[in-house]
């Protein structure tokens, strides 16, 4: 598996992800409607001068009672607070919809540490938001975030933590009640998926899958098997079970051709009540339990912009699956 973010130009002959946008290519479009695309590269460095930047509301404090001691953090962090040498610059990973978590992190940083805070900016139809995020994390000495249930709801924080781990950067989690940081002891996340698609959509699907594998470190276990309607039922069932057992998440590339494909429907029937991520190449209704991801252009976003959403969502879903599996709980019903 390649490092996250590595090799953006390592495959010059590989087909690029099709750029289909509704802006005419004249100017960038402002990202407003989707929280998954709101983490961008307009990074502004600040010096922590020791000023407390604001307190969380009382109801927010109540929601954070479990903090780093809840299931999602238990056993993953050093027992003792971080007392090592702080790097000159850190990347602050936080949920845009909860800026108070960012403020708590900043107020807890040692004096003199420079930190990078992602902010909203204009994103063009050919831009992968994650590319700029990855570059900034790789250029920082560590990543810091807040270990609380509010942050856990963010799609981007697990992805950014994984980028830092793959780059060999320390990942430090703030325990809000204590105001102290704890170092993460885990490894980079394994993101396994089994992808379903039909031969009619191969020209759209393969560039996306190769980007996921080669540039973002996602493990597509059946990439070399070919389209679903050209693969045996036994093989499809085996791949599904493999991904489930490893805490992965299946992805079905959904289109009119997929909707009418009996082989695709047979394959999806194997999943039963398991939730599948439906990556919509066209606006076609999804069958059964679903985690929909739009890949066709709309709301000012292109296919390239939206591929980032899907990759980040896969990281979050796989991390959740694997945490629950490690706790002896199945989330497949």
C-alpha atoms as a PDB file:
ATOM      1  CA  UNK A   1       0.000   0.000   0.000  1.00  0.00           C
ATOM      2  CA  UNK A   2       1.447   3.372  -0.952  1.00  0.00           C
ATOM      3  CA  UNK A   3       1.705   6.252   1.472  1.00  0.00           C
ATOM      4  CA  UNK A   4      -1.278   8.557   1.620  1.00  0.00           C
ATOM      5  CA  UNK A   5      -0.811  11.389  -0.815  1.00  0.00           C
ATOM      6  CA  UNK A   6       2.212   9.869  -2.486  1.00  0.00           C
ATOM      7  CA  UNK A   7       2.516   9.742  -6.229  1.00  0.00           C
ATOM      8  CA  UNK A   8       0.145  12.398  -7.536  1.00  0.00           C
ATOM      9  CA  UNK A   9       2.149  12.391 -10.762  1.00  0.00           C
ATOM     10  CA  UNK A  10       3.611   8.923 -10.499  1.00  0.00           C
ATOM     11  CA  UNK A  11       1.350   7.464 -13.181  1.00  0.00           C
ATOM     12  CA  UNK A  12       1.486   9.836 -16.175  1.00  0.00           C
ATOM     13  CA  UNK A  13      -0.171   7.327 -18.513  1.00  0.00           C
ATOM     14  CA  UNK A  14      -3.038   6.485 -16.182  1.00  0.00           C
ATOM     15  CA  UNK A  15      -6.370   8.043 -17.224  1.00  0.00           C
ATOM     16  CA  UNK A  16      -7.276  11.020 -15.089  1.00  0.00           C
ATOM     17  CA  UNK A  17     -10.500  11.260 -13.145  1.00  0.00           C
ATOM     18  CA  UNK A  18     -12.994  12.807 -15.587  1.00  0.00           C
ATOM     19  CA  UNK A  19     -13.563  16.493 -14.835  1.00  0.00           C
ATOM     20  CA  UNK A  20     -17.225  17.285 -15.350  1.00  0.00           C
ATOM     21  CA  UNK A  21     -18.350  20.527 -13.775  1.00  0.00           C
ATOM     22  CA  UNK A  22     -21.150  23.037 -14.078  1.00  0.00           C
ATOM     23  CA  UNK A  23     -19.051  26.169 -13.828  1.00  0.00           C
ATOM     24  CA  UNK A  24     -17.767  26.330 -17.409  1.00  0.00           C
ATOM     25  CA  UNK A  25     -14.240  26.304 -16.018  1.00  0.00           C
ATOM     26  CA  UNK A  26     -14.196  30.099 -15.933  1.00  0.00           C
ATOM     27  CA  UNK A  27     -13.589  30.516 -12.221  1.00  0.00           C
ATOM     28  CA  UNK A  28     -13.359  28.521  -9.017  1.00  0.00           C
ATOM     29  CA  UNK A  29     -16.561  27.707  -7.169  1.00  0.00           C
ATOM     30  CA  UNK A  30     -17.113  28.396  -3.518  1.00  0.00           C
ATOM     31  CA  UNK A  31     -17.647  25.274  -1.434  1.00  0.00           C
ATOM     32  CA  UNK A  32     -20.596  25.825   0.865  1.00  0.00           C
ATOM     33  CA  UNK A  33     -23.081  22.979   0.755  1.00  0.00           C
ATOM     34  CA  UNK A  34     -21.125  19.911   1.819  1.00  0.00           C
ATOM     35  CA  UNK A  35     -19.186  19.630   5.054  1.00  0.00           C
ATOM     36  CA  UNK A  36     -16.928  16.983   3.509  1.00  0.00           C
ATOM     37  CA  UNK A  37     -15.395  19.504   1.121  1.00  0.00           C
ATOM     38  CA  UNK A  38     -14.995  22.374   3.541  1.00  0.00           C
ATOM     39  CA  UNK A  39     -11.484  21.494   4.672  1.00  0.00           C
ATOM     40  CA  UNK A  40      -9.145  23.314   2.323  1.00  0.00           C
ATOM     41  CA  UNK A  41      -5.685  24.693   1.854  1.00  0.00           C
ATOM     42  CA  UNK A  42      -6.041  28.309   2.948  1.00  0.00           C
ATOM     43  CA  UNK A  43      -3.775  27.740   5.939  1.00  0.00           C
ATOM     44  CA  UNK A  44      -2.869  30.756   8.064  1.00  0.00           C
ATOM     45  CA  UNK A  45      -0.037  30.418  10.608  1.00  0.00           C
ATOM     46  CA  UNK A  46      -0.603  31.931  14.026  1.00  0.00           C
ATOM     47  CA  UNK A  47       1.586  32.186  17.104  1.00  0.00           C
ATOM     48  CA  UNK A  48      -0.001  31.002  20.323  1.00  0.00           C
ATOM     49  CA  UNK A  49       0.444  33.979  22.613  1.00  0.00           C
ATOM     50  CA  UNK A  50      -1.226  32.270  25.555  1.00  0.00           C
ATOM     51  CA  UNK A  51      -4.611  33.971  25.123  1.00  0.00           C
ATOM     52  CA  UNK A  52      -7.594  31.712  25.820  1.00  0.00           C
ATOM     53  CA  UNK A  53      -9.669  31.941  22.662  1.00  0.00           C
ATOM     54  CA  UNK A  54     -13.071  31.204  24.146  1.00  0.00           C
ATOM     55  CA  UNK A  55     -14.879  28.594  26.178  1.00  0.00           C
ATOM     56  CA  UNK A  56     -17.311  25.984  24.939  1.00  0.00           C
ATOM     57  CA  UNK A  57     -20.988  26.375  25.878  1.00  0.00           C
ATOM     58  CA  UNK A  58     -22.216  24.430  28.885  1.00  0.00           C
ATOM     59  CA  UNK A  59     -24.118  21.848  26.801  1.00  0.00           C
ATOM     60  CA  UNK A  60     -20.932  21.236  24.826  1.00  0.00           C
ATOM     61  CA  UNK A  61     -19.027  20.526  28.032  1.00  0.00           C
ATOM     62  CA  UNK A  62     -21.646  17.994  29.062  1.00  0.00           C
ATOM     63  CA  UNK A  63     -21.310  16.160  25.750  1.00  0.00           C
ATOM     64  CA  UNK A  64     -17.560  15.857  26.330  1.00  0.00           C
ATOM     65  CA  UNK A  65     -17.693  14.147  29.717  1.00  0.00           C
ATOM     66  CA  UNK A  66     -16.437  10.829  28.366  1.00  0.00           C
ATOM     67  CA  UNK A  67     -13.750  12.511  26.254  1.00  0.00           C
ATOM     68  CA  UNK A  68     -10.643  10.400  25.727  1.00  0.00           C
ATOM     69  CA  UNK A  69     -11.946   7.673  28.024  1.00  0.00           C
ATOM     70  CA  UNK A  70     -14.754   6.531  25.728  1.00  0.00           C
ATOM     71  CA  UNK A  71     -14.632   3.459  23.497  1.00  0.00           C
ATOM     72  CA  UNK A  72     -13.233   5.317  20.511  1.00  0.00           C
ATOM     73  CA  UNK A  73     -10.068   6.335  22.368  1.00  0.00           C
ATOM     74  CA  UNK A  74      -9.584   3.602  24.978  1.00  0.00           C
ATOM     75  CA  UNK A  75      -6.279   1.760  24.678  1.00  0.00           C
ATOM     76  CA  UNK A  76      -5.087   3.861  21.752  1.00  0.00           C
ATOM     77  CA  UNK A  77      -3.144   6.529  23.625  1.00  0.00           C
ATOM     78  CA  UNK A  78      -0.218   6.749  26.015  1.00  0.00           C
ATOM     79  CA  UNK A  79      -1.264   6.471  29.669  1.00  0.00           C
ATOM     80  CA  UNK A  80       0.752   9.526  30.618  1.00  0.00           C
ATOM     81  CA  UNK A  81       0.378  13.053  29.197  1.00  0.00           C
ATOM     82  CA  UNK A  82       2.816  14.083  26.483  1.00  0.00           C
ATOM     83  CA  UNK A  83       5.962  15.610  27.975  1.00  0.00           C
ATOM     84  CA  UNK A  84       8.244  15.424  24.933  1.00  0.00           C
ATOM     85  CA  UNK A  85       9.683  18.274  22.913  1.00  0.00           C
ATOM     86  CA  UNK A  86       7.078  20.132  20.912  1.00  0.00           C
ATOM     87  CA  UNK A  87       7.834  20.835  17.226  1.00  0.00           C
ATOM     88  CA  UNK A  88       7.923  24.392  15.992  1.00  0.00           C
ATOM     89  CA  UNK A  89       4.760  23.943  13.899  1.00  0.00           C
ATOM     90  CA  UNK A  90       1.661  21.775  14.346  1.00  0.00           C
ATOM     91  CA  UNK A  91      -1.394  21.150  12.181  1.00  0.00           C
ATOM     92  CA  UNK A  92      -4.726  21.643  13.993  1.00  0.00           C
ATOM     93  CA  UNK A  93      -7.321  19.095  12.863  1.00  0.00           C
ATOM     94  CA  UNK A  94     -10.852  19.983  13.902  1.00  0.00           C
ATOM     95  CA  UNK A  95     -14.492  19.911  12.842  1.00  0.00           C
ATOM     96  CA  UNK A  96     -15.499  23.067  11.007  1.00  0.00           C
ATOM     97  CA  UNK A  97     -18.967  22.949  12.519  1.00  0.00           C
ATOM     98  CA  UNK A  98     -17.480  22.998  16.052  1.00  0.00           C
ATOM     99  CA  UNK A  99     -14.869  25.791  16.051  1.00  0.00           C
ATOM    100  CA  UNK A 100     -14.816  25.770  19.848  1.00  0.00           C
ATOM    101  CA  UNK A 101     -12.813  22.526  19.661  1.00  0.00           C
ATOM    102  CA  UNK A 102     -10.177  24.380  17.646  1.00  0.00           C
ATOM    103  CA  UNK A 103     -10.112  27.129  20.265  1.00  0.00           C
ATOM    104  CA  UNK A 104      -9.610  24.636  23.077  1.00  0.00           C
ATOM    105  CA  UNK A 105      -6.700  23.032  21.240  1.00  0.00           C
ATOM    106  CA  UNK A 106      -5.066  26.390  20.597  1.00  0.00           C
ATOM    107  CA  UNK A 107      -5.436  27.500  24.205  1.00  0.00           C
ATOM    108  CA  UNK A 108      -3.769  24.287  25.422  1.00  0.00           C
ATOM    109  CA  UNK A 109      -0.711  24.516  23.144  1.00  0.00           C
ATOM    110  CA  UNK A 110       2.632  25.515  24.678  1.00  0.00           C
ATOM    111  CA  UNK A 111       3.597  29.143  24.256  1.00  0.00           C
ATOM    112  CA  UNK A 112       5.504  29.889  21.090  1.00  0.00           C
ATOM    113  CA  UNK A 113       4.210  26.947  19.042  1.00  0.00           C
ATOM    114  CA  UNK A 114       3.093  27.945  15.569  1.00  0.00           C
ATOM    115  CA  UNK A 115      -0.048  26.188  14.374  1.00  0.00           C
ATOM    116  CA  UNK A 116      -1.758  25.848  11.020  1.00  0.00           C
ATOM    117  CA  UNK A 117      -5.525  26.107  10.937  1.00  0.00           C
ATOM    118  CA  UNK A 118      -7.450  24.991   7.811  1.00  0.00           C
ATOM    119  CA  UNK A 119     -10.050  27.482   6.643  1.00  0.00           C
ATOM    120  CA  UNK A 120     -12.611  27.665   3.861  1.00  0.00           C
ATOM    121  CA  UNK A 121     -11.496  28.834   0.459  1.00  0.00           C
ATOM    122  CA  UNK A 122     -12.401  28.638  -3.223  1.00  0.00           C
ATOM    123  CA  UNK A 123     -12.039  25.216  -4.815  1.00  0.00           C
ATOM    124  CA  UNK A 124     -11.784  24.800  -8.592  1.00  0.00           C
ATOM    125  CA  UNK A 125     -13.370  21.943 -10.569  1.00  0.00           C
ATOM    126  CA  UNK A 126     -10.000  20.208 -11.051  1.00  0.00           C
ATOM    127  CA  UNK A 127      -8.854  20.531  -7.433  1.00  0.00           C
ATOM    128  CA  UNK A 128      -8.519  17.683  -4.959  1.00  0.00           C
ATOM    129  CA  UNK A 129      -8.933  19.376  -1.600  1.00  0.00           C
ATOM    130  CA  UNK A 130      -7.027  16.601   0.142  1.00  0.00           C
ATOM    131  CA  UNK A 131      -3.840  17.239  -1.868  1.00  0.00           C
ATOM    132  CA  UNK A 132      -3.299  20.622  -0.212  1.00  0.00           C
ATOM    133  CA  UNK A 133      -4.262  19.235   3.202  1.00  0.00           C
ATOM    134  CA  UNK A 134      -1.728  16.408   2.835  1.00  0.00           C
ATOM    135  CA  UNK A 135       1.036  18.823   1.829  1.00  0.00           C
ATOM    136  CA  UNK A 136       0.424  21.031   4.852  1.00  0.00           C
ATOM    137  CA  UNK A 137       0.346  18.081   7.282  1.00  0.00           C
ATOM    138  CA  UNK A 138       3.571  16.713   5.816  1.00  0.00           C
ATOM    139  CA  UNK A 139       5.169  20.124   6.299  1.00  0.00           C
ATOM    140  CA  UNK A 140       4.183  20.311   9.978  1.00  0.00           C
ATOM    141  CA  UNK A 141       5.989  18.713  12.896  1.00  0.00           C
ATOM    142  CA  UNK A 142       2.906  17.088  14.411  1.00  0.00           C
ATOM    143  CA  UNK A 143      -0.886  16.938  14.202  1.00  0.00           C
ATOM    144  CA  UNK A 144      -3.112  17.875  17.145  1.00  0.00           C
ATOM    145  CA  UNK A 145      -6.842  17.340  17.625  1.00  0.00           C
ATOM    146  CA  UNK A 146      -9.412  17.135  20.406  1.00  0.00           C
ATOM    147  CA  UNK A 147     -10.383  13.646  21.629  1.00  0.00           C
ATOM    148  CA  UNK A 148     -14.081  14.202  22.170  1.00  0.00           C
ATOM    149  CA  UNK A 149     -17.376  12.912  20.723  1.00  0.00           C
ATOM    150  CA  UNK A 150     -17.945  16.113  18.755  1.00  0.00           C
ATOM    151  CA  UNK A 151     -14.661  15.740  16.888  1.00  0.00           C
ATOM    152  CA  UNK A 152     -15.432  12.067  16.279  1.00  0.00           C
ATOM    153  CA  UNK A 153     -18.414  13.173  14.188  1.00  0.00           C
ATOM    154  CA  UNK A 154     -16.053  14.885  11.733  1.00  0.00           C
ATOM    155  CA  UNK A 155     -15.339  13.017   8.503  1.00  0.00           C
ATOM    156  CA  UNK A 156     -12.007  14.772   7.953  1.00  0.00           C
ATOM    157  CA  UNK A 157     -10.256  14.381  11.329  1.00  0.00           C
ATOM    158  CA  UNK A 158      -9.639  10.585  11.045  1.00  0.00           C
ATOM    159  CA  UNK A 159      -8.372  11.086   7.496  1.00  0.00           C
ATOM    160  CA  UNK A 160      -5.981  13.844   8.552  1.00  0.00           C
ATOM    161  CA  UNK A 161      -4.713  11.810  11.508  1.00  0.00           C
ATOM    162  CA  UNK A 162      -4.008   8.934   9.142  1.00  0.00           C
ATOM    163  CA  UNK A 163      -2.092  11.227   6.779  1.00  0.00           C
ATOM    164  CA  UNK A 164       0.102  12.347   9.692  1.00  0.00           C
ATOM    165  CA  UNK A 165       0.767   8.770  10.824  1.00  0.00           C
ATOM    166  CA  UNK A 166       1.742   7.698   7.305  1.00  0.00           C
ATOM    167  CA  UNK A 167       4.134  10.648   7.143  1.00  0.00           C
ATOM    168  CA  UNK A 168       5.729   9.613  10.445  1.00  0.00           C
ATOM    169  CA  UNK A 169       4.391  12.633  12.333  1.00  0.00           C
ATOM    170  CA  UNK A 170       3.348  12.473  15.997  1.00  0.00           C
ATOM    171  CA  UNK A 171      -0.415  12.658  16.550  1.00  0.00           C
ATOM    172  CA  UNK A 172      -1.410  14.301  19.832  1.00  0.00           C
ATOM    173  CA  UNK A 173      -4.956  14.265  21.212  1.00  0.00           C
ATOM    174  CA  UNK A 174      -6.211  16.854  23.671  1.00  0.00           C
ATOM    175  CA  UNK A 175      -8.262  15.513  26.568  1.00  0.00           C
ATOM    176  CA  UNK A 176     -10.628  18.488  27.033  1.00  0.00           C
ATOM    177  CA  UNK A 177     -11.438  18.019  30.752  1.00  0.00           C
ATOM    178  CA  UNK A 178      -7.733  17.868  31.604  1.00  0.00           C
ATOM    179  CA  UNK A 179      -6.409  20.308  29.033  1.00  0.00           C
ATOM    180  CA  UNK A 180      -3.461  17.971  28.388  1.00  0.00           C
ATOM    181  CA  UNK A 181      -2.281  16.148  25.270  1.00  0.00           C
ATOM    182  CA  UNK A 182      -1.788  12.380  24.913  1.00  0.00           C
ATOM    183  CA  UNK A 183       0.229  10.757  22.139  1.00  0.00           C
ATOM    184  CA  UNK A 184      -1.532   8.314  19.838  1.00  0.00           C
ATOM    185  CA  UNK A 185       0.113   4.875  19.862  1.00  0.00           C
ATOM    186  CA  UNK A 186      -1.672   3.259  16.938  1.00  0.00           C
ATOM    187  CA  UNK A 187      -0.692   2.577  13.349  1.00  0.00           C
ATOM    188  CA  UNK A 188      -1.993   4.074  10.109  1.00  0.00           C
ATOM    189  CA  UNK A 189      -5.507   2.925   9.321  1.00  0.00           C
ATOM    190  CA  UNK A 190      -6.017   0.041   6.924  1.00  0.00           C
ATOM    191  CA  UNK A 191      -8.846   1.055   4.575  1.00  0.00           C
ATOM    192  CA  UNK A 192     -10.043  -2.079   2.763  1.00  0.00           C
ATOM    193  CA  UNK A 193     -12.936  -1.988   0.328  1.00  0.00           C
ATOM    194  CA  UNK A 194     -14.497  -4.214  -2.278  1.00  0.00           C
ATOM    195  CA  UNK A 195     -15.744  -2.236  -5.274  1.00  0.00           C
ATOM    196  CA  UNK A 196     -18.717  -3.207  -7.435  1.00  0.00           C
ATOM    197  CA  UNK A 197     -19.157  -1.767 -10.903  1.00  0.00           C
ATOM    198  CA  UNK A 198     -20.419  -2.826 -14.322  1.00  0.00           C
ATOM    199  CA  UNK A 199     -18.429  -2.984 -17.546  1.00  0.00           C
ATOM    200  CA  UNK A 200     -20.406  -0.113 -19.071  1.00  0.00           C
ATOM    201  CA  UNK A 201     -19.022   2.262 -16.401  1.00  0.00           C
ATOM    202  CA  UNK A 202     -15.418   1.073 -16.450  1.00  0.00           C
ATOM    203  CA  UNK A 203     -14.012   4.196 -18.132  1.00  0.00           C
ATOM    204  CA  UNK A 204     -15.395   6.297 -15.266  1.00  0.00           C
ATOM    205  CA  UNK A 205     -14.702   3.909 -12.422  1.00  0.00           C
ATOM    206  CA  UNK A 206     -11.138   2.714 -13.067  1.00  0.00           C
ATOM    207  CA  UNK A 207      -9.464   6.153 -12.855  1.00  0.00           C
ATOM    208  CA  UNK A 208     -11.190   6.709  -9.511  1.00  0.00           C
ATOM    209  CA  UNK A 209     -10.145   3.299  -8.174  1.00  0.00           C
ATOM    210  CA  UNK A 210      -6.532   3.766  -9.287  1.00  0.00           C
ATOM    211  CA  UNK A 211      -6.441   7.161  -7.589  1.00  0.00           C
ATOM    212  CA  UNK A 212      -7.799   5.587  -4.397  1.00  0.00           C
ATOM    213  CA  UNK A 213      -5.145   2.847  -4.473  1.00  0.00           C
ATOM    214  CA  UNK A 214      -2.091   4.640  -5.853  1.00  0.00           C
ATOM    215  CA  UNK A 215      -2.523   8.122  -4.382  1.00  0.00           C
ATOM    216  CA  UNK A 216      -4.552   7.649  -1.201  1.00  0.00           C
ATOM    217  CA  UNK A 217      -3.518   4.233   0.127  1.00  0.00           C
ATOM    218  CA  UNK A 218      -6.955   2.597   0.017  1.00  0.00           C
ATOM    219  CA  UNK A 219      -6.866  -1.176  -0.461  1.00  0.00           C
ATOM    220  CA  UNK A 220      -9.352  -2.192  -3.157  1.00  0.00           C
ATOM    221  CA  UNK A 221      -9.216  -5.957  -2.725  1.00  0.00           C
ATOM    222  CA  UNK A 222     -10.828  -6.807  -6.071  1.00  0.00           C
ATOM    223  CA  UNK A 223      -9.275  -4.131  -8.306  1.00  0.00           C
ATOM    224  CA  UNK A 224      -7.756  -6.716 -10.673  1.00  0.00           C
ATOM    225  CA  UNK A 225     -10.931  -8.830 -10.822  1.00  0.00           C
ATOM    226  CA  UNK A 226     -12.676  -6.529 -13.259  1.00  0.00           C
ATOM    227  CA  UNK A 227     -16.308  -5.429 -13.381  1.00  0.00           C
ATOM    228  CA  UNK A 228     -18.937  -7.141 -11.284  1.00  0.00           C
ATOM    229  CA  UNK A 229     -20.840  -8.441 -14.299  1.00  0.00           C
ATOM    230  CA  UNK A 230     -17.669 -10.253 -15.430  1.00  0.00           C
ATOM    231  CA  UNK A 231     -16.860 -11.873 -12.062  1.00  0.00           C
ATOM    232  CA  UNK A 232     -18.208 -15.108 -10.590  1.00  0.00           C
ATOM    233  CA  UNK A 233     -20.686 -15.028  -7.727  1.00  0.00           C
ATOM    234  CA  UNK A 234     -18.402 -17.099  -5.510  1.00  0.00           C
ATOM    235  CA  UNK A 235     -15.536 -14.674  -6.037  1.00  0.00           C
ATOM    236  CA  UNK A 236     -17.741 -11.689  -5.203  1.00  0.00           C
ATOM    237  CA  UNK A 237     -18.991 -13.368  -2.037  1.00  0.00           C
ATOM    238  CA  UNK A 238     -15.450 -14.186  -0.937  1.00  0.00           C
ATOM    239  CA  UNK A 239     -14.320 -10.578  -1.421  1.00  0.00           C
ATOM    240  CA  UNK A 240     -17.309  -9.253   0.520  1.00  0.00           C
ATOM    241  CA  UNK A 241     -16.623 -11.527   3.456  1.00  0.00           C
ATOM    242  CA  UNK A 242     -12.935 -10.608   3.445  1.00  0.00           C
ATOM    243  CA  UNK A 243     -13.721  -6.906   3.647  1.00  0.00           C
ATOM    244  CA  UNK A 244     -16.351  -7.365   6.364  1.00  0.00           C
ATOM    245  CA  UNK A 245     -14.015  -9.439   8.507  1.00  0.00           C
ATOM    246  CA  UNK A 246     -11.316  -6.763   8.265  1.00  0.00           C
ATOM    247  CA  UNK A 247     -13.589  -3.874   9.216  1.00  0.00           C
ATOM    248  CA  UNK A 248     -13.769  -2.532   5.684  1.00  0.00           C
ATOM    249  CA  UNK A 249     -16.645  -1.029   3.749  1.00  0.00           C
ATOM    250  CA  UNK A 250     -18.087  -2.079   0.355  1.00  0.00           C
ATOM    251  CA  UNK A 251     -18.550   0.509  -2.407  1.00  0.00           C
ATOM    252  CA  UNK A 252     -20.992   0.130  -5.309  1.00  0.00           C
ATOM    253  CA  UNK A 253     -20.579   2.512  -8.245  1.00  0.00           C
ATOM    254  CA  UNK A 254     -24.190   3.168  -9.114  1.00  0.00           C
ATOM    255  CA  UNK A 255     -25.588   4.201 -12.485  1.00  0.00           C
ATOM    256  CA  UNK A 256     -28.413   3.392 -14.884  1.00  0.00           C
ATOM    257  CA  UNK A 257     -26.361   0.494 -16.233  1.00  0.00           C
ATOM    258  CA  UNK A 258     -25.737  -0.796 -12.718  1.00  0.00           C
ATOM    259  CA  UNK A 259     -29.400  -0.383 -11.821  1.00  0.00           C
ATOM    260  CA  UNK A 260     -30.469  -2.639 -14.696  1.00  0.00           C
ATOM    261  CA  UNK A 261     -27.655  -5.188 -14.269  1.00  0.00           C
ATOM    262  CA  UNK A 262     -28.846  -8.524 -12.877  1.00  0.00           C
ATOM    263  CA  UNK A 263     -25.264  -9.445 -11.942  1.00  0.00           C
ATOM    264  CA  UNK A 264     -24.962  -6.264  -9.874  1.00  0.00           C
ATOM    265  CA  UNK A 265     -28.259  -6.925  -8.139  1.00  0.00           C
ATOM    266  CA  UNK A 266     -27.237 -10.525  -7.416  1.00  0.00           C
ATOM    267  CA  UNK A 267     -24.005  -9.247  -5.937  1.00  0.00           C
ATOM    268  CA  UNK A 268     -25.693  -6.647  -3.756  1.00  0.00           C
ATOM    269  CA  UNK A 269     -28.179  -9.241  -2.521  1.00  0.00           C
ATOM    270  CA  UNK A 270     -25.232 -11.008  -0.877  1.00  0.00           C
ATOM    271  CA  UNK A 271     -24.856  -8.035   1.436  1.00  0.00           C
ATOM    272  CA  UNK A 272     -28.293  -8.551   2.975  1.00  0.00           C
ATOM    273  CA  UNK A 273     -28.833  -5.827   5.572  1.00  0.00           C
ATOM    274  CA  UNK A 274     -25.239  -4.623   5.467  1.00  0.00           C
ATOM    275  CA  UNK A 275     -24.875  -0.953   4.599  1.00  0.00           C
ATOM    276  CA  UNK A 276     -23.070  -0.321   1.321  1.00  0.00           C
ATOM    277  CA  UNK A 277     -21.652   2.966   0.142  1.00  0.00           C
ATOM    278  CA  UNK A 278     -23.348   3.796  -3.139  1.00  0.00           C
ATOM    279  CA  UNK A 279     -21.104   6.045  -5.234  1.00  0.00           C
ATOM    280  CA  UNK A 280     -23.600   7.620  -7.609  1.00  0.00           C
ATOM    281  CA  UNK A 281     -22.232   8.194 -11.104  1.00  0.00           C
ATOM    282  CA  UNK A 282     -25.737   9.310 -12.061  1.00  0.00           C
ATOM    283  CA  UNK A 283     -28.833  10.381 -10.089  1.00  0.00           C
ATOM    284  CA  UNK A 284     -30.298   6.868  -9.820  1.00  0.00           C
ATOM    285  CA  UNK A 285     -32.074   5.629  -6.639  1.00  0.00           C
ATOM    286  CA  UNK A 286     -30.089   3.216  -4.447  1.00  0.00           C
ATOM    287  CA  UNK A 287     -31.573  -0.070  -3.229  1.00  0.00           C
ATOM    288  CA  UNK A 288     -31.381  -1.259   0.366  1.00  0.00           C
ATOM    289  CA  UNK A 289     -29.345   0.187   3.258  1.00  0.00           C
ATOM    290  CA  UNK A 290     -27.014   2.814   1.907  1.00  0.00           C
ATOM    291  CA  UNK A 291     -24.393   5.432   2.623  1.00  0.00           C
ATOM    292  CA  UNK A 292     -24.806   7.543  -0.538  1.00  0.00           C
ATOM    293  CA  UNK A 293     -21.951   9.538  -2.068  1.00  0.00           C
ATOM    294  CA  UNK A 294     -22.635  11.725  -5.071  1.00  0.00           C
ATOM    295  CA  UNK A 295     -19.967  11.585  -7.784  1.00  0.00           C
ATOM    296  CA  UNK A 296     -21.901  13.233 -10.601  1.00  0.00           C
ATOM    297  CA  UNK A 297     -21.471  17.027 -10.759  1.00  0.00           C
ATOM    298  CA  UNK A 298     -23.896  19.253  -8.936  1.00  0.00           C
ATOM    299  CA  UNK A 299     -24.188  22.076  -6.405  1.00  0.00           C
ATOM    300  CA  UNK A 300     -21.148  23.702  -7.980  1.00  0.00           C
ATOM    301  CA  UNK A 301     -18.925  20.666  -7.376  1.00  0.00           C
ATOM    302  CA  UNK A 302     -17.223  18.501  -9.973  1.00  0.00           C
ATOM    303  CA  UNK A 303     -16.551  14.771  -9.954  1.00  0.00           C
ATOM    304  CA  UNK A 304     -12.958  15.484  -8.888  1.00  0.00           C
ATOM    305  CA  UNK A 305     -14.134  17.501  -5.882  1.00  0.00           C
ATOM    306  CA  UNK A 306     -16.599  14.786  -4.907  1.00  0.00           C
ATOM    307  CA  UNK A 307     -14.107  11.901  -5.117  1.00  0.00           C
ATOM    308  CA  UNK A 308     -12.414  13.477  -2.087  1.00  0.00           C
ATOM    309  CA  UNK A 309     -15.700  13.203  -0.191  1.00  0.00           C
ATOM    310  CA  UNK A 310     -15.930   9.496  -0.871  1.00  0.00           C
ATOM    311  CA  UNK A 311     -12.336   8.760   0.152  1.00  0.00           C
ATOM    312  CA  UNK A 312     -12.625  10.711   3.396  1.00  0.00           C
ATOM    313  CA  UNK A 313     -15.968   9.046   4.187  1.00  0.00           C
ATOM    314  CA  UNK A 314     -14.380   5.610   3.652  1.00  0.00           C
ATOM    315  CA  UNK A 315     -11.667   6.438   6.205  1.00  0.00           C
ATOM    316  CA  UNK A 316     -14.256   7.437   8.799  1.00  0.00           C
ATOM    317  CA  UNK A 317     -16.474   4.394   8.190  1.00  0.00           C
ATOM    318  CA  UNK A 318     -13.567   1.931   8.263  1.00  0.00           C
ATOM    319  CA  UNK A 319     -12.210   3.426  11.488  1.00  0.00           C
ATOM    320  CA  UNK A 320     -15.628   3.101  13.096  1.00  0.00           C
ATOM    321  CA  UNK A 321     -15.996  -0.497  11.889  1.00  0.00           C
ATOM    322  CA  UNK A 322     -12.583  -1.517  13.168  1.00  0.00           C
ATOM    323  CA  UNK A 323     -13.051   0.125  16.573  1.00  0.00           C
ATOM    324  CA  UNK A 324     -16.347  -1.676  17.037  1.00  0.00           C
ATOM    325  CA  UNK A 325     -14.888  -4.978  15.890  1.00  0.00           C
ATOM    326  CA  UNK A 326     -11.999  -4.599  18.330  1.00  0.00           C
ATOM    327  CA  UNK A 327     -14.569  -4.105  21.094  1.00  0.00           C
ATOM    328  CA  UNK A 328     -16.327  -7.332  20.095  1.00  0.00           C
ATOM    329  CA  UNK A 329     -19.331  -5.575  18.588  1.00  0.00           C
ATOM    330  CA  UNK A 330     -20.538  -6.147  15.029  1.00  0.00           C
ATOM    331  CA  UNK A 331     -21.962  -3.176  13.153  1.00  0.00           C
ATOM    332  CA  UNK A 332     -23.107  -5.149  10.158  1.00  0.00           C
ATOM    333  CA  UNK A 333     -26.813  -5.296  11.090  1.00  0.00           C
END
